[in-house]
């Protein structure tokens, strides 16, 4: 893997790691940080919890898809 390919993937790798990591953290802790209210459990703020999990998983999937697409086009073109 050359440097230009690595740096083109770098942002997606960071996004994947941090979004998937935070999604796992809030899933394990069963809570979410709500702006202006602090940490709330899943029972106290279920909509915020599921919305946050959904957005983080979506961003992680898109980042992973982008990484796969860039690697595929780099090595098959």
N, C-alpha and C. Protein backbone atom coordinates (compact mmCIF):
# COMPACT_ATOMS: atom_id res chain seq x y z
N UNK A 1 0.87 -1.17 0.00
CA UNK A 1 0.00 0.00 0.00
C UNK A 1 0.91 1.23 0.00
N UNK A 2 0.69 2.12 -0.96
CA UNK A 2 1.51 3.32 -1.02
C UNK A 2 0.92 4.43 -0.15
N UNK A 3 1.70 5.49 0.02
CA UNK A 3 1.31 6.57 0.94
C UNK A 3 0.06 7.29 0.48
N UNK A 4 -0.10 7.49 -0.82
CA UNK A 4 -1.28 8.23 -1.29
C UNK A 4 -2.56 7.44 -1.04
N UNK A 5 -2.50 6.12 -1.19
CA UNK A 5 -3.67 5.30 -0.89
C UNK A 5 -3.98 5.33 0.60
N UNK A 6 -2.95 5.23 1.42
CA UNK A 6 -3.17 5.27 2.87
C UNK A 6 -3.83 6.58 3.28
N UNK A 7 -3.31 7.71 2.78
CA UNK A 7 -3.87 9.00 3.20
C UNK A 7 -5.26 9.23 2.63
N UNK A 8 -5.58 8.59 1.49
CA UNK A 8 -6.95 8.72 0.98
C UNK A 8 -7.93 7.91 1.83
N UNK A 9 -7.44 6.88 2.49
CA UNK A 9 -8.28 6.04 3.36
C UNK A 9 -8.28 6.51 4.81
N UNK A 10 -7.36 7.37 5.18
CA UNK A 10 -7.13 7.73 6.58
C UNK A 10 -8.39 8.28 7.26
N UNK A 11 -9.08 9.21 6.63
CA UNK A 11 -10.29 9.80 7.23
C UNK A 11 -11.38 8.77 7.44
N UNK A 12 -11.54 7.87 6.48
CA UNK A 12 -12.56 6.83 6.63
C UNK A 12 -12.19 5.83 7.72
N UNK A 13 -10.91 5.54 7.85
CA UNK A 13 -10.47 4.64 8.92
C UNK A 13 -10.73 5.27 10.28
N UNK A 14 -10.41 6.56 10.43
CA UNK A 14 -10.66 7.26 11.69
C UNK A 14 -12.16 7.29 11.98
N UNK A 15 -12.97 7.61 10.98
CA UNK A 15 -14.42 7.63 11.16
C UNK A 15 -14.97 6.28 11.57
N UNK A 16 -14.48 5.24 10.93
CA UNK A 16 -14.93 3.88 11.25
C UNK A 16 -14.56 3.51 12.68
N UNK A 17 -13.34 3.76 13.07
CA UNK A 17 -12.87 3.36 14.41
C UNK A 17 -13.62 4.12 15.50
N UNK A 18 -13.71 5.44 15.36
CA UNK A 18 -14.32 6.22 16.42
C UNK A 18 -15.84 6.05 16.48
N UNK A 19 -16.51 5.99 15.34
CA UNK A 19 -17.97 5.81 15.37
C UNK A 19 -18.35 4.42 15.86
N UNK A 20 -17.66 3.40 15.37
CA UNK A 20 -17.96 2.04 15.84
C UNK A 20 -17.59 1.89 17.31
N UNK A 21 -16.49 2.50 17.71
CA UNK A 21 -16.08 2.43 19.11
C UNK A 21 -17.07 3.11 20.04
N UNK A 22 -17.52 4.30 19.67
CA UNK A 22 -18.48 5.00 20.53
C UNK A 22 -19.84 4.31 20.51
N UNK A 23 -20.24 3.75 19.37
CA UNK A 23 -21.49 2.99 19.32
C UNK A 23 -21.41 1.78 20.26
N UNK A 24 -20.29 1.09 20.26
CA UNK A 24 -20.12 -0.05 21.17
C UNK A 24 -20.12 0.41 22.62
N UNK A 25 -19.48 1.55 22.90
CA UNK A 25 -19.42 2.07 24.26
C UNK A 25 -20.81 2.41 24.79
N UNK A 26 -21.61 3.12 24.00
CA UNK A 26 -22.93 3.49 24.51
C UNK A 26 -23.87 2.29 24.55
N UNK A 27 -23.61 1.29 23.68
CA UNK A 27 -24.43 0.08 23.74
C UNK A 27 -24.12 -0.71 25.01
N UNK A 28 -22.84 -0.82 25.35
CA UNK A 28 -22.44 -1.56 26.55
C UNK A 28 -22.89 -0.83 27.81
N UNK A 29 -22.75 0.50 27.83
CA UNK A 29 -23.13 1.30 29.00
C UNK A 29 -24.63 1.55 29.09
N UNK A 30 -25.36 1.25 28.01
CA UNK A 30 -26.82 1.42 27.94
C UNK A 30 -27.24 2.86 28.26
N UNK A 31 -26.54 3.82 27.67
CA UNK A 31 -26.87 5.22 27.89
C UNK A 31 -26.32 6.06 26.76
N UNK A 32 -26.67 7.35 26.80
CA UNK A 32 -26.24 8.27 25.76
C UNK A 32 -26.10 9.66 26.38
N UNK A 33 -25.19 10.46 25.82
CA UNK A 33 -25.05 11.83 26.29
C UNK A 33 -26.03 12.71 25.52
N UNK A 34 -26.91 13.39 26.24
CA UNK A 34 -27.90 14.28 25.64
C UNK A 34 -27.46 15.71 25.90
N UNK A 35 -27.39 16.51 24.84
CA UNK A 35 -26.92 17.89 24.98
C UNK A 35 -27.82 18.67 25.93
N UNK A 36 -27.21 19.34 26.88
CA UNK A 36 -27.93 20.15 27.85
C UNK A 36 -28.48 19.38 29.03
N UNK A 37 -28.46 18.05 28.96
CA UNK A 37 -29.02 17.24 30.04
C UNK A 37 -28.01 16.27 30.63
N UNK A 38 -26.92 16.01 29.93
CA UNK A 38 -25.91 15.09 30.43
C UNK A 38 -26.19 13.65 30.04
N UNK A 39 -25.61 12.74 30.80
CA UNK A 39 -25.74 11.31 30.52
C UNK A 39 -27.12 10.81 30.91
N UNK A 40 -27.80 10.16 29.99
CA UNK A 40 -29.12 9.58 30.23
C UNK A 40 -29.07 8.10 29.87
N UNK A 41 -29.78 7.31 30.64
CA UNK A 41 -29.84 5.88 30.35
C UNK A 41 -30.80 5.64 29.19
N UNK A 42 -30.78 4.41 28.71
CA UNK A 42 -31.67 4.05 27.61
C UNK A 42 -33.13 4.19 28.01
N UNK A 43 -33.46 3.93 29.26
CA UNK A 43 -34.84 4.05 29.73
C UNK A 43 -35.26 5.51 29.86
N UNK A 44 -34.33 6.39 30.19
CA UNK A 44 -34.66 7.81 30.36
C UNK A 44 -34.79 8.54 29.02
N UNK A 45 -34.03 8.13 28.02
CA UNK A 45 -34.05 8.80 26.71
C UNK A 45 -33.94 7.76 25.60
N UNK A 46 -34.99 6.96 25.40
CA UNK A 46 -34.88 5.88 24.41
C UNK A 46 -34.73 6.37 22.97
N UNK A 47 -35.42 7.46 22.61
CA UNK A 47 -35.32 7.96 21.24
C UNK A 47 -33.90 8.44 20.94
N UNK A 48 -33.32 9.17 21.86
CA UNK A 48 -31.94 9.66 21.67
C UNK A 48 -30.96 8.49 21.60
N UNK A 49 -31.18 7.49 22.44
CA UNK A 49 -30.30 6.32 22.45
C UNK A 49 -30.33 5.61 21.10
N UNK A 50 -31.51 5.27 20.63
CA UNK A 50 -31.62 4.53 19.37
C UNK A 50 -31.21 5.38 18.17
N UNK A 51 -31.50 6.68 18.20
CA UNK A 51 -31.10 7.57 17.12
C UNK A 51 -29.57 7.64 17.04
N UNK A 52 -28.93 7.78 18.19
CA UNK A 52 -27.47 7.87 18.22
C UNK A 52 -26.83 6.57 17.75
N UNK A 53 -27.34 5.45 18.23
CA UNK A 53 -26.82 4.15 17.79
C UNK A 53 -27.00 4.01 16.27
N UNK A 54 -28.17 4.36 15.77
CA UNK A 54 -28.44 4.25 14.33
C UNK A 54 -27.51 5.10 13.49
N UNK A 55 -27.32 6.36 13.89
CA UNK A 55 -26.45 7.25 13.13
C UNK A 55 -25.01 6.75 13.16
N UNK A 56 -24.53 6.34 14.32
CA UNK A 56 -23.14 5.87 14.43
C UNK A 56 -22.91 4.59 13.63
N UNK A 57 -23.86 3.68 13.65
CA UNK A 57 -23.72 2.45 12.87
C UNK A 57 -23.78 2.77 11.38
N UNK A 58 -24.66 3.69 10.98
CA UNK A 58 -24.75 4.09 9.58
C UNK A 58 -23.44 4.71 9.09
N UNK A 59 -22.87 5.61 9.86
CA UNK A 59 -21.60 6.23 9.49
C UNK A 59 -20.49 5.18 9.42
N UNK A 60 -20.50 4.23 10.34
CA UNK A 60 -19.49 3.16 10.32
C UNK A 60 -19.62 2.30 9.07
N UNK A 61 -20.84 1.96 8.70
CA UNK A 61 -21.06 1.14 7.51
C UNK A 61 -20.65 1.89 6.25
N UNK A 62 -21.00 3.17 6.18
CA UNK A 62 -20.61 3.98 5.01
C UNK A 62 -19.09 4.11 4.93
N UNK A 63 -18.43 4.30 6.06
CA UNK A 63 -16.96 4.39 6.08
C UNK A 63 -16.33 3.08 5.63
N UNK A 64 -16.85 1.98 6.11
CA UNK A 64 -16.33 0.68 5.71
C UNK A 64 -16.56 0.44 4.22
N UNK A 65 -17.74 0.79 3.73
CA UNK A 65 -18.03 0.66 2.30
C UNK A 65 -17.11 1.52 1.46
N UNK A 66 -16.83 2.71 1.92
CA UNK A 66 -15.93 3.60 1.19
C UNK A 66 -14.51 3.05 1.16
N UNK A 67 -14.07 2.48 2.26
CA UNK A 67 -12.73 1.87 2.30
C UNK A 67 -12.66 0.71 1.30
N UNK A 68 -13.66 -0.15 1.32
CA UNK A 68 -13.68 -1.30 0.41
C UNK A 68 -13.72 -0.83 -1.04
N UNK A 69 -14.54 0.18 -1.33
CA UNK A 69 -14.65 0.69 -2.70
C UNK A 69 -13.33 1.28 -3.18
N UNK A 70 -12.68 2.06 -2.33
CA UNK A 70 -11.39 2.66 -2.73
C UNK A 70 -10.32 1.61 -2.94
N UNK A 71 -10.28 0.61 -2.08
CA UNK A 71 -9.30 -0.46 -2.26
C UNK A 71 -9.59 -1.26 -3.53
N UNK A 72 -10.86 -1.53 -3.78
CA UNK A 72 -11.26 -2.28 -4.98
C UNK A 72 -10.88 -1.53 -6.24
N UNK A 73 -11.21 -0.23 -6.28
CA UNK A 73 -10.89 0.54 -7.49
C UNK A 73 -9.39 0.77 -7.64
N UNK A 74 -8.67 0.85 -6.54
CA UNK A 74 -7.21 1.06 -6.62
C UNK A 74 -6.51 -0.17 -7.20
N UNK A 75 -6.91 -1.35 -6.76
CA UNK A 75 -6.20 -2.56 -7.18
C UNK A 75 -6.78 -3.20 -8.43
N UNK A 76 -7.96 -2.79 -8.88
CA UNK A 76 -8.57 -3.42 -10.06
C UNK A 76 -8.68 -2.49 -11.26
N UNK A 77 -8.10 -1.32 -11.18
CA UNK A 77 -8.20 -0.40 -12.33
C UNK A 77 -6.92 -0.41 -13.12
